[in-house]
Amino acid sequence: MRVLIACEFSGIVRRVFRDRGHDAVSCDLLPAEDGSPQHICKDILGVLEESDSEAWDLLIAFPPCTHLAVSGARWFKDKQKEQSQAIDFFIRLANADCPRIAIENPIGIMSTHYRKPDQIIQPWQFGHGETKATCLWLKNLPKLTPTHIVSGRKPRVHSLHPVLIAGKNAAAHFKE
């Protein structure tokens, strides 16, 4: 299967698919952290436009959530242009000419601007003890089935020191 992973420069998802025998390629504006040649350093929308309708069997997308997630709602009124662009980007990914699509994003405004997610998952359903509701919008794909339910769940971000949170938020701004 030919798999295109959008908005991923870490290579983590790409490697999982490649390890299972798929022809997987990641794409992001940033170069691949692992230096992989199976990475396209380019705007994903351009890659999708240049591809013919049979180029990819599956698109997995992780669009930036900065202007979409409810965790940033207090800044929405000052970032309407950025939010509009983020919504458009998300919808263009969802409408890509690909037979199977999965889009991941936290709880946010896409439930009202696009449609409700097909599934909301938690890390604790897949072997990690944290709580972080994550939405999946699916096209021609089954919902995920929990593989390893973990007890003793705790929120990740809420337990971090404020300096660490600020540092992560500041770093995110340099990627945009």
Protein backbone atom coordinates (compact mmCIF):
# COMPACT_ATOMS: atom_id res chain seq x y z
CA MET A 1 0.00 0.00 0.00
CA ARG A 2 1.26 3.53 -0.81
CA VAL A 3 0.87 5.68 2.31
CA LEU A 4 1.38 9.44 2.55
CA ILE A 5 1.77 10.84 6.06
CA ALA A 6 1.04 14.57 6.06
CA CYS A 7 2.46 17.08 8.53
CA GLU A 8 4.96 14.65 10.01
CA PHE A 9 8.70 15.33 10.18
CA SER A 10 9.56 12.96 13.04
CA GLY A 11 9.21 9.88 10.84
CA ILE A 12 7.57 7.85 13.61
CA VAL A 13 4.37 6.99 11.71
CA ARG A 14 6.25 6.55 8.42
CA ARG A 15 8.64 4.04 10.01
CA VAL A 16 5.78 2.00 11.51
CA PHE A 17 4.18 1.61 8.09
CA ARG A 18 7.50 0.88 6.37
CA ASP A 19 8.36 -1.73 9.03
CA ARG A 20 5.13 -3.47 8.08
CA GLY A 21 6.07 -3.56 4.40
CA HIS A 22 4.19 -0.53 3.08
CA ASP A 23 5.60 2.11 0.73
CA ALA A 24 5.19 4.98 3.19
CA VAL A 25 6.40 8.56 2.70
CA SER A 26 6.15 11.44 5.15
CA CYS A 27 5.69 15.06 4.11
CA ASP A 28 6.22 18.30 6.01
CA LEU A 29 7.58 21.79 5.48
CA LEU A 30 10.42 20.81 7.84
CA PRO A 31 13.11 18.27 6.88
CA ALA A 32 12.85 14.77 8.36
CA GLU A 33 14.38 14.55 11.82
CA ASP A 34 15.79 11.15 10.96
CA GLY A 35 17.24 12.27 7.61
CA SER A 36 15.17 9.68 5.76
CA PRO A 37 15.02 9.78 1.96
CA GLN A 38 11.37 8.68 2.29
CA HIS A 39 10.41 12.22 3.26
CA ILE A 40 9.14 15.06 1.08
CA CYS A 41 10.10 18.49 2.39
CA LYS A 42 7.29 20.43 0.75
CA ASP A 43 3.76 21.75 1.25
CA ILE A 44 1.46 18.72 1.45
CA LEU A 45 -1.24 20.46 -0.60
CA GLY A 46 1.20 20.86 -3.48
CA VAL A 47 2.17 17.19 -3.23
CA LEU A 48 -1.48 16.15 -3.34
CA GLU A 49 -2.20 18.45 -6.31
CA GLU A 50 0.78 17.07 -8.24
CA SER A 51 -0.19 13.45 -7.58
CA ASP A 52 -2.58 11.58 -9.81
CA SER A 53 -5.70 10.08 -8.26
CA GLU A 54 -4.08 6.65 -7.89
CA ALA A 55 -0.77 7.83 -6.39
CA TRP A 56 -1.72 7.16 -2.76
CA ASP A 57 -3.85 4.43 -1.17
CA LEU A 58 -3.97 6.09 2.24
CA LEU A 59 -3.46 9.63 3.55
CA ILE A 60 -2.83 10.08 7.27
CA ALA A 61 -2.75 13.73 8.29
CA PHE A 62 -1.73 15.54 11.46
CA PRO A 63 -2.62 19.17 10.63
CA PRO A 64 -1.31 21.74 13.11
CA CYS A 65 -3.84 22.27 15.90
CA THR A 66 -2.59 25.67 17.10
CA HIS A 67 -5.62 27.55 15.74
CA LEU A 68 -8.11 24.66 15.92
CA ALA A 69 -7.89 23.08 19.39
CA VAL A 70 -10.15 24.25 22.21
CA SER A 71 -7.07 24.53 24.41
CA GLY A 72 -6.24 27.72 22.49
CA ALA A 73 -9.76 29.16 22.46
CA ARG A 74 -8.81 32.20 24.54
CA TRP A 75 -6.65 33.42 21.61
CA PHE A 76 -9.17 32.74 18.82
CA LYS A 77 -10.56 36.30 18.67
CA ASP A 78 -7.09 37.71 17.96
CA LYS A 79 -6.17 35.08 15.36
CA GLN A 80 -9.20 34.92 13.07
CA LYS A 81 -7.15 35.02 9.85
CA GLU A 82 -4.84 32.23 11.04
CA GLN A 83 -7.81 30.21 12.21
CA SER A 84 -9.57 30.60 8.86
CA GLN A 85 -6.42 29.38 7.09
CA ALA A 86 -6.14 26.42 9.47
CA ILE A 87 -9.78 25.45 8.85
CA ASP A 88 -9.26 25.68 5.08
CA PHE A 89 -6.09 23.56 5.31
CA PHE A 90 -7.89 20.87 7.34
CA ILE A 91 -10.84 20.75 4.93
CA ARG A 92 -8.54 20.55 1.89
CA LEU A 93 -6.82 17.54 3.47
CA ALA A 94 -10.20 15.95 4.23
CA ASN A 95 -11.29 16.45 0.61
CA ALA A 96 -8.06 15.13 -0.93
CA ASP A 97 -8.39 12.77 -3.88
CA CYS A 98 -7.42 9.66 -1.93
CA PRO A 99 -9.56 6.55 -1.31
CA ARG A 100 -8.72 6.31 2.42
CA ILE A 101 -8.04 9.23 4.75
CA ALA A 102 -7.43 9.57 8.50
CA ILE A 103 -7.06 13.04 10.04
CA GLU A 104 -5.98 13.44 13.67
CA ASN A 105 -6.52 16.54 15.82
CA PRO A 106 -7.41 17.31 19.44
CA ILE A 107 -10.90 18.30 20.53
CA GLY A 108 -11.52 21.57 18.72
CA ILE A 109 -13.58 23.62 16.34
CA MET A 110 -13.53 21.23 13.38
CA SER A 111 -16.56 19.46 14.85
CA THR A 112 -18.58 22.54 13.94
CA HIS A 113 -16.65 23.84 10.92
CA TYR A 114 -16.36 20.48 9.17
CA ARG A 115 -18.22 17.65 10.92
CA LYS A 116 -18.11 15.65 14.11
CA PRO A 117 -15.18 13.23 14.29
CA ASP A 118 -15.81 9.57 13.56
CA GLN A 119 -14.01 8.57 16.73
CA ILE A 120 -12.43 10.06 19.84
CA ILE A 121 -9.59 8.02 21.30
CA GLN A 122 -7.39 8.28 24.39
CA PRO A 123 -3.74 7.22 24.89
CA TRP A 124 -4.81 5.01 27.84
CA GLN A 125 -6.73 2.83 25.35
CA PHE A 126 -3.44 1.96 23.64
CA GLY A 127 -0.97 1.28 26.46
CA HIS A 128 -0.15 4.80 27.70
CA GLY A 129 -1.40 6.06 31.07
CA GLU A 130 -2.16 9.62 30.00
CA THR A 131 -5.47 11.23 29.13
CA LYS A 132 -5.66 13.36 26.00
CA ALA A 133 -8.81 13.15 23.92
CA THR A 134 -7.85 12.89 20.27
CA CYS A 135 -10.33 13.09 17.39
CA LEU A 136 -10.15 11.02 14.23
CA TRP A 137 -11.96 11.90 11.02
CA LEU A 138 -12.03 8.81 8.82
CA LYS A 139 -12.83 8.14 5.17
CA ASN A 140 -13.26 4.47 4.16
CA LEU A 141 -11.39 3.28 7.26
CA PRO A 142 -12.60 1.33 10.30
CA LYS A 143 -12.54 2.85 13.76
CA LEU A 144 -9.57 1.93 15.93
CA THR A 145 -10.07 -0.81 18.49
CA PRO A 146 -8.37 -0.34 21.88
CA THR A 147 -5.39 -2.67 22.19
CA HIS A 148 -4.23 -2.23 25.80
CA ILE A 149 -6.38 -0.37 28.35
CA VAL A 150 -4.25 1.18 31.11
CA SER A 151 -5.47 2.07 34.58
CA GLY A 152 -4.08 4.92 36.69
CA ARG A 153 -4.73 7.54 34.06
CA LYS A 154 -3.55 11.12 34.40
CA PRO A 155 -3.61 14.25 32.22
CA ARG A 156 -0.24 14.91 30.58
CA VAL A 157 -0.12 18.66 30.08
CA HIS A 158 -1.85 19.57 33.33
CA SER A 159 0.88 17.88 35.38
CA LEU A 160 3.78 19.64 33.65
CA HIS A 161 5.55 22.55 35.26
CA PRO A 162 4.38 25.91 33.79
CA VAL A 163 7.90 26.67 32.51
CA LEU A 164 7.91 23.43 30.49
CA ILE A 165 4.50 24.22 29.03
CA ALA A 166 5.61 27.74 28.08
CA GLY A 167 8.78 26.35 26.51
CA LYS A 168 6.84 23.86 24.40
CA ASN A 169 4.40 26.55 23.30
CA ALA A 170 7.24 28.90 22.39
CA ALA A 171 9.00 26.16 20.41
CA ALA A 172 5.78 25.47 18.48
CA HIS A 173 5.68 29.06 17.24
CA PHE A 174 9.10 28.71 15.63
CA LYS A 175 7.89 25.75 13.53
CA GLU A 176 5.12 27.71 11.83
